[in-house]
């Protein structure tokens, strides 16, 4: 059974993948998505995660 997009993202986050690894993981996942709606939702999540990561890195 295929994991949902949310399950994949939560799995990546819960496995504490380092920032670059998480970015690569998310990029790979977007390549596997098929519906435009999924792609748009994923891009929004990716953008938000990138913004949060950037803020975190800049605060240190």
PDB file of N, CA and C in Angstrom:
ATOM      1  N   UNK A   1       0.843  -1.183   0.000  1.00  0.00           N
ATOM      2  CA  UNK A   1       0.000   0.000   0.000  1.00  0.00           C
ATOM      3  C   UNK A   1       0.888   1.246   0.000  1.00  0.00           C
ATOM      4  N   UNK A   2       0.552   2.194  -0.865  1.00  0.00           N
ATOM      5  CA  UNK A   2       1.329   3.420  -0.962  1.00  0.00           C
ATOM      6  C   UNK A   2       1.093   4.312   0.239  1.00  0.00           C
ATOM      7  N   UNK A   3       2.162   4.924   0.726  1.00  0.00           N
ATOM      8  CA  UNK A   3       2.031   5.892   1.810  1.00  0.00           C
ATOM      9  C   UNK A   3       1.468   7.191   1.239  1.00  0.00           C
ATOM     10  N   UNK A   4       0.675   7.869   2.038  1.00  0.00           N
ATOM     11  CA  UNK A   4       0.189   9.177   1.616  1.00  0.00           C
ATOM     12  C   UNK A   4       1.342  10.173   1.699  1.00  0.00           C
ATOM     13  N   UNK A   5       1.181  11.279   1.030  1.00  0.00           N
ATOM     14  CA  UNK A   5       2.199  12.324   1.047  1.00  0.00           C
ATOM     15  C   UNK A   5       2.481  12.778   2.474  1.00  0.00           C
ATOM     16  N   UNK A   6       1.438  12.977   3.249  1.00  0.00           N
ATOM     17  CA  UNK A   6       1.611  13.413   4.631  1.00  0.00           C
ATOM     18  C   UNK A   6       2.390  12.377   5.435  1.00  0.00           C
ATOM     19  N   UNK A   7       2.079  11.104   5.235  1.00  0.00           N
ATOM     20  CA  UNK A   7       2.801  10.039   5.944  1.00  0.00           C
ATOM     21  C   UNK A   7       4.287  10.058   5.592  1.00  0.00           C
ATOM     22  N   UNK A   8       4.598  10.296   4.319  1.00  0.00           N
ATOM     23  CA  UNK A   8       5.997  10.340   3.891  1.00  0.00           C
ATOM     24  C   UNK A   8       6.739  11.495   4.555  1.00  0.00           C
ATOM     25  N   UNK A   9       6.089  12.653   4.589  1.00  0.00           N
ATOM     26  CA  UNK A   9       6.729  13.827   5.187  1.00  0.00           C
ATOM     27  C   UNK A   9       6.907  13.636   6.683  1.00  0.00           C
ATOM     28  N   UNK A  10       5.862  13.155   7.347  1.00  0.00           N
ATOM     29  CA  UNK A  10       5.960  12.932   8.787  1.00  0.00           C
ATOM     30  C   UNK A  10       7.014  11.883   9.106  1.00  0.00           C
ATOM     31  N   UNK A  11       7.111  10.873   8.263  1.00  0.00           N
ATOM     32  CA  UNK A  11       8.122   9.841   8.455  1.00  0.00           C
ATOM     33  C   UNK A  11       9.520  10.449   8.350  1.00  0.00           C
ATOM     34  N   UNK A  12       9.720  11.300   7.359  1.00  0.00           N
ATOM     35  CA  UNK A  12      11.025  11.944   7.185  1.00  0.00           C
ATOM     36  C   UNK A  12      11.362  12.815   8.384  1.00  0.00           C
ATOM     37  N   UNK A  13      10.390  13.593   8.833  1.00  0.00           N
ATOM     38  CA  UNK A  13      10.636  14.491   9.964  1.00  0.00           C
ATOM     39  C   UNK A  13      10.873  13.714  11.248  1.00  0.00           C
ATOM     40  N   UNK A  14      10.114  12.651  11.442  1.00  0.00           N
ATOM     41  CA  UNK A  14      10.241  11.892  12.685  1.00  0.00           C
ATOM     42  C   UNK A  14      11.528  11.072  12.727  1.00  0.00           C
ATOM     43  N   UNK A  15      12.117  10.826  11.570  1.00  0.00           N
ATOM     44  CA  UNK A  15      13.382  10.083  11.528  1.00  0.00           C
ATOM     45  C   UNK A  15      14.586  11.007  11.670  1.00  0.00           C
ATOM     46  N   UNK A  16      14.328  12.289  11.937  1.00  0.00           N
ATOM     47  CA  UNK A  16      15.398  13.266  12.167  1.00  0.00           C
ATOM     48  C   UNK A  16      16.432  13.285  11.046  1.00  0.00           C
ATOM     49  N   UNK A  17      15.953  13.265   9.820  1.00  0.00           N
ATOM     50  CA  UNK A  17      16.862  13.361   8.679  1.00  0.00           C
ATOM     51  C   UNK A  17      17.517  14.743   8.717  1.00  0.00           C
ATOM     52  N   UNK A  18      18.847  14.823   8.590  1.00  0.00           N
ATOM     53  CA  UNK A  18      19.506  16.131   8.589  1.00  0.00           C
ATOM     54  C   UNK A  18      18.925  17.041   7.503  1.00  0.00           C
ATOM     55  N   UNK A  19      19.096  18.332   7.671  1.00  0.00           N
ATOM     56  CA  UNK A  19      18.451  19.311   6.787  1.00  0.00           C
ATOM     57  C   UNK A  19      18.670  19.009   5.306  1.00  0.00           C
ATOM     58  N   UNK A  20      19.892  18.762   4.909  1.00  0.00           N
ATOM     59  CA  UNK A  20      20.143  18.498   3.491  1.00  0.00           C
ATOM     60  C   UNK A  20      19.492  17.189   3.065  1.00  0.00           C
ATOM     61  N   UNK A  21      19.545  16.198   3.926  1.00  0.00           N
ATOM     62  CA  UNK A  21      18.896  14.930   3.621  1.00  0.00           C
ATOM     63  C   UNK A  21      17.394  15.089   3.487  1.00  0.00           C
ATOM     64  N   UNK A  22      16.805  15.900   4.355  1.00  0.00           N
ATOM     65  CA  UNK A  22      15.365  16.141   4.284  1.00  0.00           C
ATOM     66  C   UNK A  22      15.019  16.842   2.984  1.00  0.00           C
ATOM     67  N   UNK A  23      15.823  17.836   2.618  1.00  0.00           N
ATOM     68  CA  UNK A  23      15.592  18.555   1.374  1.00  0.00           C
ATOM     69  C   UNK A  23      15.661  17.604   0.178  1.00  0.00           C
ATOM     70  N   UNK A  24      16.671  16.744   0.161  1.00  0.00           N
ATOM     71  CA  UNK A  24      16.806  15.768  -0.925  1.00  0.00           C
ATOM     72  C   UNK A  24      15.641  14.792  -0.932  1.00  0.00           C
ATOM     73  N   UNK A  25      15.233  14.360   0.256  1.00  0.00           N
ATOM     74  CA  UNK A  25      14.103  13.438   0.372  1.00  0.00           C
ATOM     75  C   UNK A  25      12.840  14.076  -0.199  1.00  0.00           C
ATOM     76  N   UNK A  26      12.582  15.316   0.187  1.00  0.00           N
ATOM     77  CA  UNK A  26      11.379  15.998  -0.293  1.00  0.00           C
ATOM     78  C   UNK A  26      11.433  16.186  -1.807  1.00  0.00           C
ATOM     79  N   UNK A  27      12.603  16.529  -2.335  1.00  0.00           N
ATOM     80  CA  UNK A  27      12.741  16.704  -3.775  1.00  0.00           C
ATOM     81  C   UNK A  27      12.461  15.391  -4.513  1.00  0.00           C
ATOM     82  N   UNK A  28      12.971  14.299  -3.977  1.00  0.00           N
ATOM     83  CA  UNK A  28      12.727  12.995  -4.599  1.00  0.00           C
ATOM     84  C   UNK A  28      11.245  12.645  -4.576  1.00  0.00           C
ATOM     85  N   UNK A  29      10.583  12.967  -3.470  1.00  0.00           N
ATOM     86  CA  UNK A  29       9.166  12.643  -3.366  1.00  0.00           C
ATOM     87  C   UNK A  29       8.334  13.425  -4.377  1.00  0.00           C
ATOM     88  N   UNK A  30       8.684  14.676  -4.618  1.00  0.00           N
ATOM     89  CA  UNK A  30       7.897  15.474  -5.560  1.00  0.00           C
ATOM     90  C   UNK A  30       8.025  14.914  -6.976  1.00  0.00           C
ATOM     91  N   UNK A  31       9.139  14.261  -7.258  1.00  0.00           N
ATOM     92  CA  UNK A  31       9.322  13.648  -8.571  1.00  0.00           C
ATOM     93  C   UNK A  31       8.368  12.467  -8.780  1.00  0.00           C
ATOM     94  N   UNK A  32       7.899  11.862  -7.683  1.00  0.00           N
ATOM     95  CA  UNK A  32       7.054  10.675  -7.776  1.00  0.00           C
ATOM     96  C   UNK A  32       5.561  10.996  -7.743  1.00  0.00           C
ATOM     97  N   UNK A  33       5.222  12.251  -7.501  1.00  0.00           N
ATOM     98  CA  UNK A  33       3.811  12.613  -7.411  1.00  0.00           C
ATOM     99  C   UNK A  33       3.210  12.699  -8.806  1.00  0.00           C
ATOM    100  N   UNK A  34       1.940  12.359  -8.901  1.00  0.00           N
ATOM    101  CA  UNK A  34       1.328  12.322 -10.220  1.00  0.00           C
ATOM    102  C   UNK A  34       0.263  13.391 -10.432  1.00  0.00           C
ATOM    103  N   UNK A  35      -0.535  13.683  -9.448  1.00  0.00           N
ATOM    104  CA  UNK A  35      -1.611  14.649  -9.673  1.00  0.00           C
ATOM    105  C   UNK A  35      -1.136  16.076  -9.415  1.00  0.00           C
ATOM    106  N   UNK A  36      -1.661  17.017 -10.195  1.00  0.00           N
ATOM    107  CA  UNK A  36      -1.285  18.421 -10.050  1.00  0.00           C
ATOM    108  C   UNK A  36      -1.641  18.936  -8.663  1.00  0.00           C
ATOM    109  N   UNK A  37      -2.762  18.491  -8.130  1.00  0.00           N
ATOM    110  CA  UNK A  37      -3.177  18.920  -6.791  1.00  0.00           C
ATOM    111  C   UNK A  37      -2.145  18.476  -5.754  1.00  0.00           C
ATOM    112  N   UNK A  38      -1.673  17.236  -5.849  1.00  0.00           N
ATOM    113  CA  UNK A  38      -0.644  16.745  -4.933  1.00  0.00           C
ATOM    114  C   UNK A  38       0.643  17.556  -5.070  1.00  0.00           C
ATOM    115  N   UNK A  39       1.019  17.846  -6.306  1.00  0.00           N
ATOM    116  CA  UNK A  39       2.251  18.602  -6.546  1.00  0.00           C
ATOM    117  C   UNK A  39       2.149  19.993  -5.932  1.00  0.00           C
ATOM    118  N   UNK A  40       1.005  20.655  -6.123  1.00  0.00           N
ATOM    119  CA  UNK A  40       0.825  21.996  -5.567  1.00  0.00           C
ATOM    120  C   UNK A  40       0.853  21.965  -4.040  1.00  0.00           C
ATOM    121  N   UNK A  41       0.214  20.984  -3.441  1.00  0.00           N
ATOM    122  CA  UNK A  41       0.214  20.862  -1.981  1.00  0.00           C
ATOM    123  C   UNK A  41       1.630  20.595  -1.482  1.00  0.00           C
ATOM    124  N   UNK A  42       2.333  19.744  -2.187  1.00  0.00           N
ATOM    125  CA  UNK A  42       3.697  19.404  -1.794  1.00  0.00           C
ATOM    126  C   UNK A  42       4.614  20.618  -1.892  1.00  0.00           C
ATOM    127  N   UNK A  43       4.467  21.396  -2.971  1.00  0.00           N
ATOM    128  CA  UNK A  43       5.302  22.580  -3.141  1.00  0.00           C
ATOM    129  C   UNK A  43       5.072  23.579  -2.014  1.00  0.00           C
ATOM    130  N   UNK A  44       3.832  23.719  -1.581  1.00  0.00           N
ATOM    131  CA  UNK A  44       3.524  24.617  -0.473  1.00  0.00           C
ATOM    132  C   UNK A  44       4.202  24.136   0.809  1.00  0.00           C
ATOM    133  N   UNK A  45       4.121  22.842   1.074  1.00  0.00           N
ATOM    134  CA  UNK A  45       4.766  22.271   2.261  1.00  0.00           C
ATOM    135  C   UNK A  45       6.280  22.452   2.173  1.00  0.00           C
ATOM    136  N   UNK A  46       6.842  22.170   1.013  1.00  0.00           N
ATOM    137  CA  UNK A  46       8.291  22.298   0.815  1.00  0.00           C
ATOM    138  C   UNK A  46       8.734  23.741   1.053  1.00  0.00           C
ATOM    139  N   UNK A  47       7.969  24.686   0.502  1.00  0.00           N
ATOM    140  CA  UNK A  47       8.285  26.108   0.668  1.00  0.00           C
ATOM    141  C   UNK A  47       8.251  26.490   2.147  1.00  0.00           C
ATOM    142  N   UNK A  48       7.228  26.044   2.856  1.00  0.00           N
ATOM    143  CA  UNK A  48       7.110  26.360   4.277  1.00  0.00           C
ATOM    144  C   UNK A  48       8.234  25.724   5.084  1.00  0.00           C
ATOM    145  N   UNK A  49       8.568  24.470   4.794  1.00  0.00           N
ATOM    146  CA  UNK A  49       9.653  23.794   5.510  1.00  0.00           C
ATOM    147  C   UNK A  49      10.987  24.485   5.241  1.00  0.00           C
ATOM    148  N   UNK A  50      11.198  24.917   4.009  1.00  0.00           N
ATOM    149  CA  UNK A  50      12.438  25.613   3.662  1.00  0.00           C
ATOM    150  C   UNK A  50      12.538  26.936   4.410  1.00  0.00           C
ATOM    151  N   UNK A  51      11.417  27.653   4.513  1.00  0.00           N
ATOM    152  CA  UNK A  51      11.386  28.932   5.223  1.00  0.00           C
ATOM    153  C   UNK A  51      11.690  28.723   6.704  1.00  0.00           C
ATOM    154  N   UNK A  52      11.065  27.720   7.304  1.00  0.00           N
ATOM    155  CA  UNK A  52      11.283  27.422   8.725  1.00  0.00           C
ATOM    156  C   UNK A  52      12.740  27.035   8.963  1.00  0.00           C
ATOM    157  N   UNK A  53      13.281  26.193   8.101  1.00  0.00           N
ATOM    158  CA  UNK A  53      14.678  25.774   8.234  1.00  0.00           C
ATOM    159  C   UNK A  53      15.613  26.969   8.105  1.00  0.00           C
ATOM    160  N   UNK A  54      15.343  27.841   7.146  1.00  0.00           N
ATOM    161  CA  UNK A  54      16.163  29.028   6.938  1.00  0.00           C
ATOM    162  C   UNK A  54      16.130  29.936   8.164  1.00  0.00           C
ATOM    163  N   UNK A  55      14.955  30.140   8.727  1.00  0.00           N
ATOM    164  CA  UNK A  55      14.831  30.970   9.929  1.00  0.00           C
ATOM    165  C   UNK A  55      15.609  30.351  11.085  1.00  0.00           C
ATOM    166  N   UNK A  56      15.508  29.046  11.213  1.00  0.00           N
ATOM    167  CA  UNK A  56      16.210  28.348  12.296  1.00  0.00           C
ATOM    168  C   UNK A  56      17.725  28.493  12.141  1.00  0.00           C
ATOM    169  N   UNK A  57      18.213  28.299  10.931  1.00  0.00           N
ATOM    170  CA  UNK A  57      19.655  28.379  10.691  1.00  0.00           C
ATOM    171  C   UNK A  57      20.166  29.806  10.881  1.00  0.00           C
ATOM    172  N   UNK A  58      19.367  30.789  10.495  1.00  0.00           N
ATOM    173  CA  UNK A  58      19.778  32.189  10.623  1.00  0.00           C
ATOM    174  C   UNK A  58      19.726  32.685  12.058  1.00  0.00           C
ATOM    175  N   UNK A  59      18.973  32.008  12.906  1.00  0.00           N
ATOM    176  CA  UNK A  59      18.855  32.447  14.298  1.00  0.00           C
ATOM    177  C   UNK A  59      20.032  31.981  15.149  1.00  0.00           C
ATOM    178  N   UNK A  60      20.843  31.071  14.617  1.00  0.00           N
ATOM    179  CA  UNK A  60      21.988  30.537  15.385  1.00  0.00           C
ATOM    180  C   UNK A  60      23.265  31.262  15.080  1.00  0.00           C
TER     181      UNK A  60
END
